[in-house]
């Protein structure tokens, strides 16, 4: 059974950093596209970053230059490094592993950025 467990969220001041982790019960990060989404208060879910099985990455404009998606296949874990955070980054962040019609989701982790 595939499970994704997120961690690393918390409260941080503007300009600070966090590293979000997404641990998988099996090594689907090697064969699935890894993606991170977020849902900010009053807003729809937004794709912020993704990484293909081959290592190609893509970022939302708001994330470029500040966020970095990565994976560690040996640890069966995906990551999202959040740098230079602003209050606009406050949201629940979700990891996602998907391939064709199959998708798995983490439970979400809260990131709160104070001004």
C-alpha atoms as a PDB file:
ATOM      1  CA  UNK A   1       0.000   0.000   0.000  1.00  0.00           C
ATOM      2  CA  UNK A   2       1.352   3.405  -0.986  1.00  0.00           C
ATOM      3  CA  UNK A   3       1.339   6.098   1.664  1.00  0.00           C
ATOM      4  CA  UNK A   4       2.862   9.568   1.652  1.00  0.00           C
ATOM      5  CA  UNK A   5       3.644  11.289   4.945  1.00  0.00           C
ATOM      6  CA  UNK A   6       4.560  14.963   5.000  1.00  0.00           C
ATOM      7  CA  UNK A   7       6.518  16.826   7.623  1.00  0.00           C
ATOM      8  CA  UNK A   8       8.536  19.992   8.043  1.00  0.00           C
ATOM      9  CA  UNK A   9       5.853  22.640   8.160  1.00  0.00           C
ATOM     10  CA  UNK A  10       5.689  25.224  10.876  1.00  0.00           C
ATOM     11  CA  UNK A  11       5.800  28.879  11.759  1.00  0.00           C
ATOM     12  CA  UNK A  12       8.591  30.995  10.333  1.00  0.00           C
ATOM     13  CA  UNK A  13       9.291  34.698  10.020  1.00  0.00           C
ATOM     14  CA  UNK A  14       9.382  36.431   6.662  1.00  0.00           C
ATOM     15  CA  UNK A  15      12.703  35.776   4.975  1.00  0.00           C
ATOM     16  CA  UNK A  16      13.120  32.452   6.708  1.00  0.00           C
ATOM     17  CA  UNK A  17      13.348  28.935   5.321  1.00  0.00           C
ATOM     18  CA  UNK A  18      11.747  25.554   5.771  1.00  0.00           C
ATOM     19  CA  UNK A  19      12.324  22.150   4.244  1.00  0.00           C
ATOM     20  CA  UNK A  20       9.267  20.039   3.641  1.00  0.00           C
ATOM     21  CA  UNK A  21       9.617  16.270   3.421  1.00  0.00           C
ATOM     22  CA  UNK A  22       7.387  13.669   1.821  1.00  0.00           C
ATOM     23  CA  UNK A  23       8.245  10.133   2.877  1.00  0.00           C
ATOM     24  CA  UNK A  24       6.838   7.270   0.834  1.00  0.00           C
ATOM     25  CA  UNK A  25       6.135   3.757   2.033  1.00  0.00           C
ATOM     26  CA  UNK A  26       7.520   2.424  -1.254  1.00  0.00           C
ATOM     27  CA  UNK A  27       9.954   4.028  -3.659  1.00  0.00           C
ATOM     28  CA  UNK A  28       7.387   5.561  -5.963  1.00  0.00           C
ATOM     29  CA  UNK A  29       9.471   8.744  -6.048  1.00  0.00           C
ATOM     30  CA  UNK A  30      11.771   6.923  -8.461  1.00  0.00           C
ATOM     31  CA  UNK A  31       9.058   6.092 -10.973  1.00  0.00           C
ATOM     32  CA  UNK A  32       6.368   8.713 -10.459  1.00  0.00           C
ATOM     33  CA  UNK A  33       6.290  12.424 -11.013  1.00  0.00           C
ATOM     34  CA  UNK A  34       6.765  14.217  -7.707  1.00  0.00           C
ATOM     35  CA  UNK A  35       4.763  17.381  -7.235  1.00  0.00           C
ATOM     36  CA  UNK A  36       4.069  19.889  -4.505  1.00  0.00           C
ATOM     37  CA  UNK A  37       0.832  21.825  -4.265  1.00  0.00           C
ATOM     38  CA  UNK A  38      -0.400  24.396  -1.835  1.00  0.00           C
ATOM     39  CA  UNK A  39      -3.743  25.787  -0.773  1.00  0.00           C
ATOM     40  CA  UNK A  40      -3.637  29.276   0.677  1.00  0.00           C
ATOM     41  CA  UNK A  41      -6.526  30.694   2.702  1.00  0.00           C
ATOM     42  CA  UNK A  42      -9.353  31.668   0.376  1.00  0.00           C
ATOM     43  CA  UNK A  43      -7.547  30.403  -2.717  1.00  0.00           C
ATOM     44  CA  UNK A  44      -7.684  27.344  -4.939  1.00  0.00           C
ATOM     45  CA  UNK A  45      -5.038  24.656  -4.865  1.00  0.00           C
ATOM     46  CA  UNK A  46      -1.937  25.703  -6.775  1.00  0.00           C
ATOM     47  CA  UNK A  47       0.849  23.629  -8.273  1.00  0.00           C
ATOM     48  CA  UNK A  48       4.135  25.056  -7.023  1.00  0.00           C
ATOM     49  CA  UNK A  49       6.764  22.571  -8.219  1.00  0.00           C
ATOM     50  CA  UNK A  50       7.190  19.222  -9.918  1.00  0.00           C
ATOM     51  CA  UNK A  51       9.934  16.800 -10.832  1.00  0.00           C
ATOM     52  CA  UNK A  52       9.624  14.085 -13.452  1.00  0.00           C
ATOM     53  CA  UNK A  53      11.096  10.605 -12.927  1.00  0.00           C
ATOM     54  CA  UNK A  54      13.962  11.685 -15.176  1.00  0.00           C
ATOM     55  CA  UNK A  55      14.725  14.713 -13.022  1.00  0.00           C
ATOM     56  CA  UNK A  56      13.184  17.485 -15.082  1.00  0.00           C
ATOM     57  CA  UNK A  57      11.716  20.226 -12.888  1.00  0.00           C
ATOM     58  CA  UNK A  58       9.146  22.929 -13.284  1.00  0.00           C
ATOM     59  CA  UNK A  59       8.088  25.706 -10.926  1.00  0.00           C
ATOM     60  CA  UNK A  60       5.300  28.183 -10.576  1.00  0.00           C
ATOM     61  CA  UNK A  61       6.436  31.725 -11.292  1.00  0.00           C
ATOM     62  CA  UNK A  62       6.008  32.606  -7.636  1.00  0.00           C
ATOM     63  CA  UNK A  63       8.327  29.759  -6.646  1.00  0.00           C
ATOM     64  CA  UNK A  64      11.141  30.266  -9.145  1.00  0.00           C
ATOM     65  CA  UNK A  65      14.390  31.218  -7.498  1.00  0.00           C
ATOM     66  CA  UNK A  66      13.059  30.545  -3.998  1.00  0.00           C
ATOM     67  CA  UNK A  67      11.795  26.958  -3.891  1.00  0.00           C
ATOM     68  CA  UNK A  68      13.708  23.820  -4.834  1.00  0.00           C
ATOM     69  CA  UNK A  69      12.178  20.410  -5.402  1.00  0.00           C
ATOM     70  CA  UNK A  70      14.361  17.345  -4.945  1.00  0.00           C
ATOM     71  CA  UNK A  71      14.249  13.667  -4.126  1.00  0.00           C
ATOM     72  CA  UNK A  72      16.357  11.065  -2.375  1.00  0.00           C
ATOM     73  CA  UNK A  73      15.529   7.700  -3.877  1.00  0.00           C
ATOM     74  CA  UNK A  74      17.478   5.764  -1.245  1.00  0.00           C
ATOM     75  CA  UNK A  75      15.405   7.397   1.503  1.00  0.00           C
ATOM     76  CA  UNK A  76      12.178   7.140  -0.522  1.00  0.00           C
ATOM     77  CA  UNK A  77      11.610  10.802   0.215  1.00  0.00           C
ATOM     78  CA  UNK A  78      10.798  13.906  -1.765  1.00  0.00           C
ATOM     79  CA  UNK A  79      11.582  17.409  -0.563  1.00  0.00           C
ATOM     80  CA  UNK A  80      10.597  20.972  -1.123  1.00  0.00           C
ATOM     81  CA  UNK A  81      13.069  23.564   0.121  1.00  0.00           C
ATOM     82  CA  UNK A  82      11.366  26.869   0.832  1.00  0.00           C
ATOM     83  CA  UNK A  83      13.613  29.922   1.013  1.00  0.00           C
ATOM     84  CA  UNK A  84      12.971  33.637   1.359  1.00  0.00           C
ATOM     85  CA  UNK A  85       9.468  32.987   2.558  1.00  0.00           C
ATOM     86  CA  UNK A  86       6.850  35.718   2.584  1.00  0.00           C
ATOM     87  CA  UNK A  87       3.413  35.871   4.207  1.00  0.00           C
ATOM     88  CA  UNK A  88       1.926  35.120   0.782  1.00  0.00           C
ATOM     89  CA  UNK A  89       3.497  31.670   1.035  1.00  0.00           C
ATOM     90  CA  UNK A  90       1.286  30.815   3.999  1.00  0.00           C
ATOM     91  CA  UNK A  91      -0.671  27.727   2.979  1.00  0.00           C
ATOM     92  CA  UNK A  92      -1.169  24.047   3.504  1.00  0.00           C
ATOM     93  CA  UNK A  93       1.402  22.254   1.357  1.00  0.00           C
ATOM     94  CA  UNK A  94       0.678  18.831  -0.122  1.00  0.00           C
ATOM     95  CA  UNK A  95       2.998  16.387  -1.811  1.00  0.00           C
ATOM     96  CA  UNK A  96       1.763  14.319  -4.699  1.00  0.00           C
ATOM     97  CA  UNK A  97       3.160  11.378  -6.614  1.00  0.00           C
ATOM     98  CA  UNK A  98       1.491  10.633  -9.898  1.00  0.00           C
ATOM     99  CA  UNK A  99       1.860   8.569 -13.018  1.00  0.00           C
ATOM    100  CA  UNK A 100      -0.741   8.599 -15.758  1.00  0.00           C
ATOM    101  CA  UNK A 101      -4.100   8.148 -14.019  1.00  0.00           C
ATOM    102  CA  UNK A 102      -2.646   7.127 -10.643  1.00  0.00           C
ATOM    103  CA  UNK A 103      -2.077   9.739  -7.962  1.00  0.00           C
ATOM    104  CA  UNK A 104      -1.156   9.621  -4.290  1.00  0.00           C
ATOM    105  CA  UNK A 105      -1.410  12.496  -1.846  1.00  0.00           C
ATOM    106  CA  UNK A 106       0.092  13.362   1.476  1.00  0.00           C
ATOM    107  CA  UNK A 107      -2.013  14.691   4.324  1.00  0.00           C
ATOM    108  CA  UNK A 108      -0.685  18.223   4.031  1.00  0.00           C
ATOM    109  CA  UNK A 109       1.563  20.270   6.263  1.00  0.00           C
ATOM    110  CA  UNK A 110       0.880  23.820   7.402  1.00  0.00           C
ATOM    111  CA  UNK A 111       3.356  26.560   6.567  1.00  0.00           C
ATOM    112  CA  UNK A 112       2.717  29.876   8.277  1.00  0.00           C
ATOM    113  CA  UNK A 113       4.901  32.885   7.524  1.00  0.00           C
ATOM    114  CA  UNK A 114       4.659  35.852   9.841  1.00  0.00           C
ATOM    115  CA  UNK A 115       5.342  39.402   8.753  1.00  0.00           C
END
